[in-house]
C-alpha atoms as a PDB file:
ATOM      1  CA  MET A   1     106.289  67.106 171.524  1.00  0.00           C
ATOM      2  CA  LYS A   2     105.882  65.413 168.184  1.00  0.00           C
ATOM      3  CA  PHE A   3     103.452  62.752 167.618  1.00  0.00           C
ATOM      4  CA  LYS A   4     101.883  60.494 164.926  1.00  0.00           C
ATOM      5  CA  ILE A   5      98.222  59.841 164.232  1.00  0.00           C
ATOM      6  CA  LEU A   6      97.532  56.716 162.188  1.00  0.00           C
ATOM      7  CA  ILE A   7      94.020  56.219 161.110  1.00  0.00           C
ATOM      8  CA  SER A   8      93.153  52.924 159.294  1.00  0.00           C
ATOM      9  CA  ASN A   9      90.528  50.555 158.362  1.00  0.00           C
ATOM     10  CA  PHE A  10      87.441  52.485 159.360  1.00  0.00           C
ATOM     11  CA  VAL A  11      85.578  55.761 158.881  1.00  0.00           C
ATOM     12  CA  LEU A  12      86.581  58.507 161.304  1.00  0.00           C
ATOM     13  CA  ALA A  13      84.488  61.586 161.681  1.00  0.00           C
ATOM     14  CA  PHE A  14      85.528  64.567 163.758  1.00  0.00           C
ATOM     15  CA  ALA A  15      82.428  66.236 165.075  1.00  0.00           C
ATOM     16  CA  ILE A  16      84.118  68.939 167.321  1.00  0.00           C
ATOM     17  CA  SER A  17      81.927  71.165 169.063  1.00  0.00           C
ATOM     18  CA  ASN A  18      81.156  74.885 167.856  1.00  0.00           C
ATOM     19  CA  LEU A  19      83.723  76.022 170.552  1.00  0.00           C
ATOM     20  CA  TYR A  20      86.429  75.051 168.160  1.00  0.00           C
ATOM     21  CA  SER A  21      86.701  76.222 164.518  1.00  0.00           C
ATOM     22  CA  GLN A  22      89.687  74.287 163.236  1.00  0.00           C
ATOM     23  CA  LEU A  23      91.711  71.061 163.444  1.00  0.00           C
ATOM     24  CA  VAL A  24      95.432  71.859 163.887  1.00  0.00           C
ATOM     25  CA  VAL A  25      98.335  69.453 163.535  1.00  0.00           C
ATOM     26  CA  ASN A  26     101.423  71.351 164.863  1.00  0.00           C
ATOM     27  CA  SER A  27     104.032  68.867 164.239  1.00  0.00           C
ATOM     28  CA  GLY A  28     104.394  65.132 163.526  1.00  0.00           C
ATOM     29  CA  VAL A  29     102.334  63.202 160.898  1.00  0.00           C
ATOM     30  CA  LEU A  30      98.613  62.762 160.276  1.00  0.00           C
ATOM     31  CA  SER A  31      98.582  59.483 158.501  1.00  0.00           C
ATOM     32  CA  VAL A  32      95.505  57.890 156.808  1.00  0.00           C
ATOM     33  CA  ASP A  33      95.743  54.298 155.810  1.00  0.00           C
ATOM     34  CA  SER A  34      94.361  52.727 152.552  1.00  0.00           C
ATOM     35  CA  GLY A  35      90.688  52.483 152.173  1.00  0.00           C
ATOM     36  CA  THR A  36      90.016  54.911 155.055  1.00  0.00           C
ATOM     37  CA  VAL A  37      87.698  57.904 155.119  1.00  0.00           C
ATOM     38  CA  LEU A  38      88.735  60.727 157.402  1.00  0.00           C
ATOM     39  CA  SER A  39      85.660  63.187 157.660  1.00  0.00           C
ATOM     40  CA  LEU A  40      85.862  66.681 159.218  1.00  0.00           C
ATOM     41  CA  GLU A  41      82.707  68.780 159.615  1.00  0.00           C
ATOM     42  CA  ASN A  42      82.713  72.600 159.917  1.00  0.00           C
ATOM     43  CA  GLN A  43      86.477  72.650 160.852  1.00  0.00           C
ATOM     44  CA  SER A  44      89.186  74.321 159.099  1.00  0.00           C
ATOM     45  CA  LEU A  45      92.290  72.078 158.672  1.00  0.00           C
ATOM     46  CA  ILE A  46      95.698  73.481 159.412  1.00  0.00           C
ATOM     47  CA  ILE A  47      98.607  71.192 159.217  1.00  0.00           C
ATOM     48  CA  ASP A  48     102.122  72.465 160.078  1.00  0.00           C
ATOM     49  CA  GLY A  49     103.661  68.882 160.302  1.00  0.00           C
ATOM     50  CA  ASN A  50     102.903  66.337 157.613  1.00  0.00           C
ATOM     51  CA  ILE A  51      99.920  64.646 156.113  1.00  0.00           C
ATOM     52  CA  SER A  52     100.096  61.187 154.641  1.00  0.00           C
ATOM     53  CA  MET A  53      97.214  59.747 152.766  1.00  0.00           C
ATOM     54  CA  ASN A  54      97.605  56.268 151.240  1.00  0.00           C
ATOM     55  CA  LYS A  55      96.006  54.850 148.129  1.00  0.00           C
ATOM     56  CA  SER A  56      92.251  54.900 147.965  1.00  0.00           C
ATOM     57  CA  SER A  57      92.007  56.868 151.224  1.00  0.00           C
ATOM     58  CA  THR A  58      89.583  59.783 151.277  1.00  0.00           C
ATOM     59  CA  LEU A  59      89.632  63.136 153.043  1.00  0.00           C
ATOM     60  CA  VAL A  60      85.988  64.677 153.433  1.00  0.00           C
ATOM     61  CA  LEU A  61      85.655  68.141 154.387  1.00  0.00           C
ATOM     62  CA  SER A  62      82.162  69.433 155.030  1.00  0.00           C
ATOM     63  CA  ASN A  63      81.238  72.993 155.570  1.00  0.00           C
ATOM     64  CA  THR A  64      77.627  73.726 156.477  1.00  0.00           C
ATOM     65  CA  VAL A  65      78.049  77.137 157.816  1.00  0.00           C
ATOM     66  CA  GLU A  66      78.180  80.395 156.142  1.00  0.00           C
ATOM     67  CA  GLU A  67      81.735  81.150 157.051  1.00  0.00           C
ATOM     68  CA  GLU A  68      84.413  79.916 154.444  1.00  0.00           C
ATOM     69  CA  LYS A  69      86.623  77.414 155.948  1.00  0.00           C
ATOM     70  CA  ILE A  70      90.413  77.045 155.387  1.00  0.00           C
ATOM     71  CA  ILE A  71      92.699  74.259 154.065  1.00  0.00           C
ATOM     72  CA  GLY A  72      96.111  75.501 155.149  1.00  0.00           C
ATOM     73  CA  GLY A  73      99.269  75.334 157.121  1.00  0.00           C
ATOM     74  CA  ASN A  74     103.000  75.274 156.440  1.00  0.00           C
ATOM     75  CA  THR A  75     103.049  71.903 154.581  1.00  0.00           C
ATOM     76  CA  ASN A  76     101.981  70.608 151.194  1.00  0.00           C
ATOM     77  CA  TYR A  77      99.017  68.192 151.202  1.00  0.00           C
ATOM     78  CA  PHE A  78      99.585  64.866 149.321  1.00  0.00           C
ATOM     79  CA  LEU A  79      96.078  63.409 149.096  1.00  0.00           C
ATOM     80  CA  SER A  80      94.536  60.300 147.388  1.00  0.00           C
ATOM     81  CA  ASN A  81      90.972  61.505 147.357  1.00  0.00           C
ATOM     82  CA  LEU A  82      89.481  64.855 148.452  1.00  0.00           C
ATOM     83  CA  THR A  83      85.678  65.474 148.755  1.00  0.00           C
ATOM     84  CA  LEU A  84      84.545  69.031 149.535  1.00  0.00           C
ATOM     85  CA  LYS A  85      81.212  70.198 150.667  1.00  0.00           C
ATOM     86  CA  GLY A  86      80.453  73.876 151.075  1.00  0.00           C
ATOM     87  CA  ASN A  87      82.774  76.842 150.642  1.00  0.00           C
ATOM     88  CA  TRP A  88      86.646  76.425 151.178  1.00  0.00           C
ATOM     89  CA  SER A  89      89.709  78.550 150.484  1.00  0.00           C
ATOM     90  CA  LEU A  90      93.120  77.043 149.877  1.00  0.00           C
ATOM     91  CA  GLU A  91      96.091  78.331 151.697  1.00  0.00           C
ATOM     92  CA  THR A  92      98.871  75.766 150.709  1.00  0.00           C
ATOM     93  CA  THR A  93      99.650  73.539 147.785  1.00  0.00           C
ATOM     94  CA  ILE A  94      97.602  70.427 147.355  1.00  0.00           C
ATOM     95  CA  TYR A  95      98.584  67.292 145.295  1.00  0.00           C
ATOM     96  CA  ILE A  96      95.806  65.028 144.204  1.00  0.00           C
ATOM     97  CA  ASP A  97      96.558  61.384 143.166  1.00  0.00           C
ATOM     98  CA  GLU A  98      92.978  60.190 142.453  1.00  0.00           C
ATOM     99  CA  ARG A  99      89.930  62.482 142.575  1.00  0.00           C
ATOM    100  CA  ILE A 100      88.712  65.753 143.925  1.00  0.00           C
ATOM    101  CA  ASN A 101      84.979  65.532 144.268  1.00  0.00           C
ATOM    102  CA  LEU A 102      82.906  68.605 144.607  1.00  0.00           C
ATOM    103  CA  GLU A 103      79.612  68.357 146.299  1.00  0.00           C
ATOM    104  CA  ASN A 104      77.593  71.707 146.380  1.00  0.00           C
ATOM    105  CA  SER A 105      81.118  73.350 146.882  1.00  0.00           C
ATOM    106  CA  LEU A 106      83.151  76.288 145.866  1.00  0.00           C
ATOM    107  CA  LEU A 107      86.882  76.119 146.315  1.00  0.00           C
ATOM    108  CA  ASP A 108      89.029  79.316 145.976  1.00  0.00           C
ATOM    109  CA  ILE A 109      92.524  78.346 145.483  1.00  0.00           C
ATOM    110  CA  LYS A 110      93.592  82.001 145.844  1.00  0.00           C
ATOM    111  CA  SER A 111      97.385  82.245 144.813  1.00  0.00           C
ATOM    112  CA  ASN A 112      98.207  78.611 145.454  1.00  0.00           C
ATOM    113  CA  GLN A 113      98.537  75.583 143.232  1.00  0.00           C
ATOM    114  CA  LEU A 114      96.292  72.486 142.888  1.00  0.00           C
ATOM    115  CA  TRP A 115      98.254  69.710 141.365  1.00  0.00           C
ATOM    116  CA  LEU A 116      96.426  66.835 139.701  1.00  0.00           C
ATOM    117  CA  MET A 117      99.191  64.224 139.554  1.00  0.00           C
ATOM    118  CA  ASN A 118      97.156  61.460 138.255  1.00  0.00           C
ATOM    119  CA  GLY A 119      93.867  62.839 139.415  1.00  0.00           C
ATOM    120  CA  HIS A 120      90.946  64.578 138.013  1.00  0.00           C
ATOM    121  CA  ILE A 121      87.967  66.933 139.011  1.00  0.00           C
ATOM    122  CA  LEU A 122      84.475  65.420 139.493  1.00  0.00           C
ATOM    123  CA  ASN A 123      81.148  67.407 139.284  1.00  0.00           C
ATOM    124  CA  GLU A 124      82.417  70.909 138.338  1.00  0.00           C
ATOM    125  CA  SER A 125      79.574  73.098 137.199  1.00  0.00           C
ATOM    126  CA  ASP A 126      78.275  76.757 137.168  1.00  0.00           C
ATOM    127  CA  ASP A 127      77.483  76.439 140.863  1.00  0.00           C
ATOM    128  CA  ASN A 128      79.982  73.823 141.912  1.00  0.00           C
ATOM    129  CA  ARG A 129      83.526  74.687 140.834  1.00  0.00           C
ATOM    130  CA  ILE A 130      87.139  75.594 141.425  1.00  0.00           C
ATOM    131  CA  PHE A 131      88.309  79.197 140.863  1.00  0.00           C
ATOM    132  CA  SER A 132      91.032  81.583 142.104  1.00  0.00           C
ATOM    133  CA  SER A 133      90.577  85.002 143.575  1.00  0.00           C
ATOM    134  CA  GLY A 134      94.390  85.416 143.067  1.00  0.00           C
ATOM    135  CA  THR A 135      96.988  83.993 140.782  1.00  0.00           C
ATOM    136  CA  GLY A 136      96.519  80.338 141.793  1.00  0.00           C
ATOM    137  CA  GLU A 137      96.383  77.736 138.966  1.00  0.00           C
ATOM    138  CA  ILE A 138      95.197  74.067 138.586  1.00  0.00           C
ATOM    139  CA  MET A 139      98.218  72.119 137.318  1.00  0.00           C
ATOM    140  CA  GLU A 140      98.255  68.807 135.383  1.00  0.00           C
ATOM    141  CA  ARG A 141     101.039  66.840 133.393  1.00  0.00           C
ATOM    142  CA  ALA A 142      99.562  64.676 130.631  1.00  0.00           C
ATOM    143  CA  ASP A 143     100.853  62.038 128.278  1.00  0.00           C
ATOM    144  CA  LEU A 144      98.987  62.392 124.851  1.00  0.00           C
ATOM    145  CA  ILE A 145      98.592  59.632 122.317  1.00  0.00           C
ATOM    146  CA  ALA A 146      98.518  60.689 118.666  1.00  0.00           C
ATOM    147  CA  GLY A 147      95.008  61.000 117.222  1.00  0.00           C
ATOM    148  CA  ILE A 148      93.225  60.192 120.571  1.00  0.00           C
ATOM    149  CA  SER A 149      91.208  62.930 122.274  1.00  0.00           C
ATOM    150  CA  SER A 150      92.390  63.456 125.800  1.00  0.00           C
ATOM    151  CA  ASN A 151      90.730  65.447 128.622  1.00  0.00           C
ATOM    152  CA  PRO A 152      93.643  65.684 131.117  1.00  0.00           C
ATOM    153  CA  GLY A 153      92.304  65.978 134.746  1.00  0.00           C
ATOM    154  CA  ASN A 154      88.805  67.056 133.573  1.00  0.00           C
ATOM    155  CA  ILE A 155      89.922  70.551 133.784  1.00  0.00           C
ATOM    156  CA  GLY A 156      87.942  71.762 130.820  1.00  0.00           C
ATOM    157  CA  ILE A 157      90.275  71.442 127.894  1.00  0.00           C
ATOM    158  CA  THR A 158      90.414  68.639 125.405  1.00  0.00           C
ATOM    159  CA  ILE A 159      93.600  68.090 123.300  1.00  0.00           C
ATOM    160  CA  THR A 160      93.964  65.821 120.352  1.00  0.00           C
ATOM    161  CA  SER A 161      97.514  65.786 119.128  1.00  0.00           C
ATOM    162  CA  ASP A 162      99.159  64.816 115.885  1.00  0.00           C
ATOM    163  CA  ALA A 163     102.038  63.115 117.803  1.00  0.00           C
ATOM    164  CA  ASN A 164     102.704  61.161 121.130  1.00  0.00           C
ATOM    165  CA  GLU A 165     103.398  63.784 123.671  1.00  0.00           C
ATOM    166  CA  SER A 166     105.022  62.899 127.172  1.00  0.00           C
ATOM    167  CA  ASN A 167     104.667  65.005 130.224  1.00  0.00           C
ATOM    168  CA  VAL A 168     103.033  67.934 128.713  1.00  0.00           C
ATOM    169  CA  GLU A 169     102.306  70.556 131.497  1.00  0.00           C
ATOM    170  CA  ILE A 170      98.857  72.161 131.233  1.00  0.00           C
ATOM    171  CA  ARG A 171      97.750  75.046 133.686  1.00  0.00           C
ATOM    172  CA  ARG A 172      94.352  76.511 134.214  1.00  0.00           C
ATOM    173  CA  GLY A 173      94.002  79.934 135.747  1.00  0.00           C
ATOM    174  CA  HIS A 174      91.093  82.279 136.558  1.00  0.00           C
ATOM    175  CA  GLN A 175      92.146  85.744 135.810  1.00  0.00           C
ATOM    176  CA  ILE A 176      90.626  88.110 133.211  1.00  0.00           C
ATOM    177  CA  ASN A 177      93.153  89.193 130.540  1.00  0.00           C
ATOM    178  CA  ASN A 178      93.008  92.443 128.803  1.00  0.00           C
ATOM    179  CA  THR A 179      94.169  94.070 125.584  1.00  0.00           C
ATOM    180  CA  LEU A 180      93.827  97.848 124.745  1.00  0.00           C
ATOM    181  CA  ASP A 181      90.108  97.341 123.904  1.00  0.00           C
ATOM    182  CA  LYS A 182      89.083  93.958 125.171  1.00  0.00           C
ATOM    183  CA  SER A 183      88.651  91.856 128.293  1.00  0.00           C
ATOM    184  CA  SER A 184      88.513  88.016 128.266  1.00  0.00           C
ATOM    185  CA  VAL A 185      86.642  85.418 130.039  1.00  0.00           C
ATOM    186  CA  GLU A 186      87.760  84.665 133.544  1.00  0.00           C
ATOM    187  CA  ARG A 187      89.566  81.513 132.622  1.00  0.00           C
ATOM    188  CA  TYR A 188      92.903  80.864 130.677  1.00  0.00           C
ATOM    189  CA  TYR A 189      95.032  77.820 129.889  1.00  0.00           C
ATOM    190  CA  VAL A 190      98.810  77.497 129.379  1.00  0.00           C
ATOM    191  CA  ILE A 191      99.986  74.405 127.396  1.00  0.00           C
ATOM    192  CA  ASN A 192     103.823  73.960 127.515  1.00  0.00           C
ATOM    193  CA  GLU A 193     105.832  72.998 124.449  1.00  0.00           C
ATOM    194  CA  LEU A 194     103.806  70.795 122.042  1.00  0.00           C
ATOM    195  CA  SER A 195     106.067  69.040 119.605  1.00  0.00           C
ATOM    196  CA  ALA A 196     103.467  68.764 116.881  1.00  0.00           C
ATOM    197  CA  PRO A 197     100.100  70.460 115.982  1.00  0.00           C
ATOM    198  CA  ALA A 198      96.996  69.683 118.035  1.00  0.00           C
ATOM    199  CA  VAL A 199      93.244  70.459 118.080  1.00  0.00           C
ATOM    200  CA  VAL A 200      92.043  71.955 121.412  1.00  0.00           C
ATOM    201  CA  GLU A 201      88.536  72.339 122.706  1.00  0.00           C
ATOM    202  CA  PHE A 202      88.139  75.116 125.382  1.00  0.00           C
ATOM    203  CA  SER A 203      85.259  75.222 127.683  1.00  0.00           C
ATOM    204  CA  PHE A 204      84.209  77.635 130.352  1.00  0.00           C
ATOM    205  CA  LEU A 205      81.555  78.242 133.016  1.00  0.00           C
ATOM    206  CA  GLU A 206      78.741  80.712 133.093  1.00  0.00           C
ATOM    207  CA  PRO A 207      80.251  82.722 136.026  1.00  0.00           C
ATOM    208  CA  GLU A 208      83.532  83.023 134.046  1.00  0.00           C
ATOM    209  CA  GLN A 209      81.638  84.655 130.994  1.00  0.00           C
ATOM    210  CA  ASN A 210      82.318  88.287 132.156  1.00  0.00           C
ATOM    211  CA  ASN A 211      79.392  89.557 130.279  1.00  0.00           C
ATOM    212  CA  LEU A 212      80.729  88.789 126.888  1.00  0.00           C
ATOM    213  CA  ASP A 213      78.698  87.680 123.888  1.00  0.00           C
ATOM    214  CA  ILE A 214      78.987  83.900 123.675  1.00  0.00           C
ATOM    215  CA  GLU A 215      78.406  83.730 119.910  1.00  0.00           C
ATOM    216  CA  LYS A 216      81.329  86.187 119.319  1.00  0.00           C
ATOM    217  CA  LEU A 217      83.895  84.267 121.659  1.00  0.00           C
ATOM    218  CA  VAL A 218      87.017  83.074 119.891  1.00  0.00           C
ATOM    219  CA  ILE A 219      90.182  81.457 121.218  1.00  0.00           C
ATOM    220  CA  TRP A 220      93.117  83.817 121.196  1.00  0.00           C
ATOM    221  CA  ASN A 221      96.788  82.953 121.832  1.00  0.00           C
ATOM    222  CA  ASN A 222      99.356  85.260 123.500  1.00  0.00           C
ATOM    223  CA  THR A 223     102.613  85.279 121.486  1.00  0.00           C
ATOM    224  CA  ASP A 224     105.367  87.519 122.292  1.00  0.00           C
ATOM    225  CA  ASN A 225     103.175  89.594 124.510  1.00  0.00           C
ATOM    226  CA  SER A 226     100.570  90.081 121.673  1.00  0.00           C
ATOM    227  CA  TRP A 227      97.115  88.550 121.567  1.00  0.00           C
ATOM    228  CA  VAL A 228      96.033  87.111 118.225  1.00  0.00           C
ATOM    229  CA  PRO A 229      92.944  84.990 117.289  1.00  0.00           C
ATOM    230  CA  LEU A 230      93.655  81.388 116.422  1.00  0.00           C
ATOM    231  CA  LEU A 231      92.963  79.774 113.044  1.00  0.00           C
ATOM    232  CA  SER A 232      89.642  78.157 113.655  1.00  0.00           C
ATOM    233  CA  SER A 233      86.309  79.302 115.024  1.00  0.00           C
ATOM    234  CA  GLU A 234      84.079  76.174 115.638  1.00  0.00           C
ATOM    235  CA  PHE A 235      81.594  77.031 118.345  1.00  0.00           C
ATOM    236  CA  SER A 236      79.187  74.728 120.211  1.00  0.00           C
ATOM    237  CA  GLU A 237      76.548  76.815 121.875  1.00  0.00           C
ATOM    238  CA  GLU A 238      74.990  73.725 123.635  1.00  0.00           C
ATOM    239  CA  ASN A 239      78.081  73.216 125.899  1.00  0.00           C
ATOM    240  CA  THR A 240      79.936  76.445 125.431  1.00  0.00           C
ATOM    241  CA  ASN A 241      82.932  74.766 123.812  1.00  0.00           C
ATOM    242  CA  ILE A 242      85.105  76.268 121.311  1.00  0.00           C
ATOM    243  CA  LYS A 243      87.732  74.421 119.001  1.00  0.00           C
ATOM    244  CA  ALA A 244      90.930  75.734 117.608  1.00  0.00           C
ATOM    245  CA  LEU A 245      94.036  74.407 115.774  1.00  0.00           C
ATOM    246  CA  LEU A 246      97.378  74.835 117.531  1.00  0.00           C
ATOM    247  CA  THR A 247     100.759  74.751 116.115  1.00  0.00           C
ATOM    248  CA  GLU A 248     103.756  73.264 117.917  1.00  0.00           C
ATOM    249  CA  GLY A 249     105.262  75.204 120.882  1.00  0.00           C
ATOM    250  CA  LYS A 250     103.897  76.922 123.935  1.00  0.00           C
ATOM    251  CA  HIS A 251     100.546  78.451 124.063  1.00  0.00           C
ATOM    252  CA  PHE A 252      98.596  80.896 126.474  1.00  0.00           C
ATOM    253  CA  LEU A 253      94.986  80.715 125.539  1.00  0.00           C
ATOM    254  CA  THR A 254      91.772  82.510 126.511  1.00  0.00           C
ATOM    255  CA  LEU A 255      88.479  83.669 124.959  1.00  0.00           C
ATOM    256  CA  PHE A 256      87.974  87.192 123.695  1.00  0.00           C
ATOM    257  CA  GLU A 257      85.143  88.562 121.537  1.00  0.00           C
ATOM    258  CA  TYR A 258      85.912  88.830 117.807  1.00  0.00           C
ATOM    259  CA  GLU A 259      84.319  90.267 114.810  1.00  0.00           C
ATOM    260  CA  SER A 260      85.738  90.394 111.286  1.00  0.00           C
ATOM    261  CA  SER A 261      86.125  93.987 109.930  1.00  0.00           C
ATOM    262  CA  SER A 262      83.247  94.750 107.573  1.00  0.00           C
ATOM    263  CA  ASP A 263      85.502  96.264 105.072  1.00  0.00           C
ATOM    264  CA  ILE A 264      87.206  92.909 104.222  1.00  0.00           C
ATOM    265  CA  THR A 265      85.146  89.883 103.016  1.00  0.00           C
ATOM    266  CA  ILE A 266      86.855  86.484 102.482  1.00  0.00           C
ATOM    267  CA  PRO A 267      84.927  83.577 100.936  1.00  0.00           C
ATOM    268  CA  ASN A 268      84.615  80.299 102.830  1.00  0.00           C
ATOM    269  CA  GLY A 269      85.410  78.293  99.678  1.00  0.00           C
ATOM    270  CA  ILE A 270      86.625  77.968  96.167  1.00  0.00           C
ATOM    271  CA  SER A 271      86.025  75.328  93.427  1.00  0.00           C
ATOM    272  CA  PRO A 272      89.082  75.489  91.173  1.00  0.00           C
ATOM    273  CA  ASN A 273      87.756  73.347  88.321  1.00  0.00           C
ATOM    274  CA  ASN A 274      88.241  75.690  85.353  1.00  0.00           C
ATOM    275  CA  ASP A 275      84.623  76.398  84.873  1.00  0.00           C
ATOM    276  CA  GLN A 276      85.213  80.152  85.221  1.00  0.00           C
ATOM    277  CA  HIS A 277      83.065  80.181  88.299  1.00  0.00           C
ATOM    278  CA  ASN A 278      84.614  80.678  91.767  1.00  0.00           C
ATOM    279  CA  ASP A 279      87.895  79.338  90.573  1.00  0.00           C
ATOM    280  CA  ILE A 280      90.091  82.113  92.327  1.00  0.00           C
ATOM    281  CA  LEU A 281      89.878  83.263  95.964  1.00  0.00           C
ATOM    282  CA  ILE A 282      88.678  86.848  95.742  1.00  0.00           C
ATOM    283  CA  ILE A 283      89.077  88.930  98.914  1.00  0.00           C
ATOM    284  CA  GLY A 284      86.752  91.899  98.896  1.00  0.00           C
ATOM    285  CA  GLY A 285      88.186  95.200  99.900  1.00  0.00           C
ATOM    286  CA  LEU A 286      91.735  94.078  99.235  1.00  0.00           C
ATOM    287  CA  GLU A 287      92.729  97.303  97.402  1.00  0.00           C
ATOM    288  CA  ALA A 288      92.519  99.279 100.728  1.00  0.00           C
ATOM    289  CA  TYR A 289      95.416  97.180 102.177  1.00  0.00           C
ATOM    290  CA  PRO A 290      98.419  97.219  99.926  1.00  0.00           C
ATOM    291  CA  ASN A 291     100.831  96.052 102.743  1.00  0.00           C
ATOM    292  CA  ASN A 292      98.766  92.863 103.487  1.00  0.00           C
ATOM    293  CA  ARG A 293      99.972  89.400 104.035  1.00  0.00           C
ATOM    294  CA  PHE A 294      97.986  86.151 103.247  1.00  0.00           C
ATOM    295  CA  VAL A 295      98.918  82.729 104.659  1.00  0.00           C
ATOM    296  CA  VAL A 296      97.207  79.351 104.074  1.00  0.00           C
ATOM    297  CA  PHE A 297      97.726  76.321 106.328  1.00  0.00           C
ATOM    298  CA  ASN A 298      96.668  72.670 106.184  1.00  0.00           C
ATOM    299  CA  LYS A 299      95.383  70.923 109.281  1.00  0.00           C
ATOM    300  CA  TRP A 300      98.871  70.172 110.472  1.00  0.00           C
ATOM    301  CA  SER A 301      99.694  73.876 110.381  1.00  0.00           C
ATOM    302  CA  ASP A 302     102.032  73.533 107.403  1.00  0.00           C
ATOM    303  CA  VAL A 303     102.073  76.711 105.321  1.00  0.00           C
ATOM    304  CA  ILE A 304     101.059  75.770 101.880  1.00  0.00           C
ATOM    305  CA  TYR A 305     100.587  79.123 100.387  1.00  0.00           C
ATOM    306  CA  GLU A 306     101.861  82.673 101.290  1.00  0.00           C
ATOM    307  CA  ALA A 307     101.740  85.991  99.612  1.00  0.00           C
ATOM    308  CA  GLU A 308     102.983  89.443 100.615  1.00  0.00           C
ATOM    309  CA  PRO A 309     100.867  91.167  99.338  1.00  0.00           C
ATOM    310  CA  TYR A 310      97.978  88.982  98.190  1.00  0.00           C
ATOM    311  CA  ASP A 311      96.674  90.052  94.752  1.00  0.00           C
ATOM    312  CA  ASN A 312      93.437  87.896  94.438  1.00  0.00           C
ATOM    313  CA  SER A 313      95.185  85.425  92.294  1.00  0.00           C
ATOM    314  CA  TRP A 314      95.259  82.183  94.289  1.00  0.00           C
ATOM    315  CA  GLY A 315      93.326  79.298  92.852  1.00  0.00           C
ATOM    316  CA  GLY A 316      94.101  76.508  95.336  1.00  0.00           C
ATOM    317  CA  GLU A 317      97.529  75.828  94.102  1.00  0.00           C
ATOM    318  CA  ASN A 318     100.370  74.704  96.403  1.00  0.00           C
ATOM    319  CA  VAL A 319     103.436  76.751  96.358  1.00  0.00           C
ATOM    320  CA  PRO A 320     106.695  74.685  95.795  1.00  0.00           C
ATOM    321  CA  GLY A 321     108.762  74.728  98.925  1.00  0.00           C
ATOM    322  CA  TYR A 322     105.744  74.794 101.172  1.00  0.00           C
ATOM    323  CA  GLY A 323     104.052  71.711 102.669  1.00  0.00           C
ATOM    324  CA  ILE A 324     103.371  69.390  99.748  1.00  0.00           C
ATOM    325  CA  ALA A 325     106.355  69.144  97.280  1.00  0.00           C
ATOM    326  CA  ASN A 326     104.553  69.784  93.959  1.00  0.00           C
ATOM    327  CA  SER A 327     102.640  72.773  92.680  1.00  0.00           C
ATOM    328  CA  SER A 328      99.377  71.059  91.740  1.00  0.00           C
ATOM    329  CA  ILE A 329      95.924  72.011  92.991  1.00  0.00           C
ATOM    330  CA  LEU A 330      95.490  70.949  96.630  1.00  0.00           C
ATOM    331  CA  PRO A 331      93.291  68.086  97.464  1.00  0.00           C
ATOM    332  CA  ASP A 332      89.645  68.786  98.470  1.00  0.00           C
ATOM    333  CA  GLY A 333      89.432  69.713 102.006  1.00  0.00           C
ATOM    334  CA  THR A 334      89.376  72.304 104.737  1.00  0.00           C
ATOM    335  CA  TYR A 335      92.264  74.674 105.019  1.00  0.00           C
ATOM    336  CA  TYR A 336      92.949  77.733 107.285  1.00  0.00           C
ATOM    337  CA  TYR A 337      94.118  81.161 106.694  1.00  0.00           C
ATOM    338  CA  LEU A 338      95.407  84.274 108.487  1.00  0.00           C
ATOM    339  CA  PHE A 339      94.912  87.646 106.471  1.00  0.00           C
ATOM    340  CA  PHE A 340      96.901  90.529 107.933  1.00  0.00           C
ATOM    341  CA  LYS A 341      95.819  93.881 106.795  1.00  0.00           C
ATOM    342  CA  ASP A 342      99.132  95.172 107.677  1.00  0.00           C
ATOM    343  CA  LYS A 343     101.913  92.429 107.652  1.00  0.00           C
ATOM    344  CA  ASN A 344     103.856  94.350 110.309  1.00  0.00           C
ATOM    345  CA  GLU A 345     100.838  94.409 112.687  1.00  0.00           C
ATOM    346  CA  LYS A 346      99.654  91.255 114.342  1.00  0.00           C
ATOM    347  CA  THR A 347      96.556  92.731 115.827  1.00  0.00           C
ATOM    348  CA  SER A 348      95.244  93.468 112.184  1.00  0.00           C
ATOM    349  CA  VAL A 349      94.771  89.671 111.575  1.00  0.00           C
ATOM    350  CA  ILE A 350      91.553  88.129 110.352  1.00  0.00           C
ATOM    351  CA  SER A 351      91.406  84.207 110.558  1.00  0.00           C
ATOM    352  CA  GLY A 352      89.134  81.582 109.215  1.00  0.00           C
ATOM    353  CA  TYR A 353      88.899  78.499 106.974  1.00  0.00           C
ATOM    354  CA  ILE A 354      88.491  77.808 103.232  1.00  0.00           C
ATOM    355  CA  GLU A 355      86.942  74.803 101.653  1.00  0.00           C
ATOM    356  CA  ILE A 356      88.441  73.615  98.465  1.00  0.00           C
ATOM    357  CA  LYS A 357      86.064  71.638  96.274  1.00  0.00           C
ATOM    358  CA  ALA A 358      87.569  70.965  92.844  1.00  0.00           C
ATOM    359  CA  GLY A 359      85.660  67.717  92.301  1.00  0.00           C
ATOM    360  CA  LYS A 360      88.825  65.623  92.106  1.00  0.00           C
END
């Protein structure tokens, strides 16, 4: 027999005795009216019918026992607000319209999706967090405003785009990624199809560090099934955030350790003012890599200089046909580079930045 439970205009708490371990809705609708709080204590919630939570309603799930409780069933959960206390595991898809609030809680989403439709995560920390023991991901779609820093869903990644972007899908997962000789932190992000360059700020939590050296962590991007470090390397030890510059397109980002090879040295700046001192970018050890490739970008990821091979002759000139139309010395500022020891081998890349200070 189908039924409908309508809960409205008050706080309802289920304090079911310990003889029962879960609240089950086999069919019909569990409907929670606007402004109402539905609170369950020490009960798994299994819904095979439907759950309907109207705007500003809240589902509070409290688990004070050692056993992990379950949020599951054969339906997707469309929730306005969800507050979790204690340890929970997800066995279905959840859509959050406003907030998911963690209060001394660990939520394992396993291989399921947690969609933040217009919602965001509150109070995530080292001891109070969302993770996945399987392939589950936190999902967000965001509208970005050009030049404005955005932290969609408070999932740990900040994006500042050079253009307005609509409906950009961002996914956060919690698997360790591997190369032949490296393992990443236990977190990654996928950003779908940016139409313009953007600066991203990637953060992570201590339990996700995977015994890696924080000071050596750099954002890497997986392109064509090959991991390469990104163009920047600005690291804030205070809040374990790392910034990088993205080009347009799709990005799969995580953090690996990175160290420049000691046999190549690339200066962080040149001063091309014809004083015969530091006018040219001289890369130490270049002679050992005759098949190299050197590429310089501006902050919008426009290529403004490229050489195959580089021969220690660049003095800050802009090459005609790249970026800026003329071939004069570039304006003072910060530029980014990729140096490939072997132009045919992506993993041979060294990345960093160059300051040009000609005094113009």
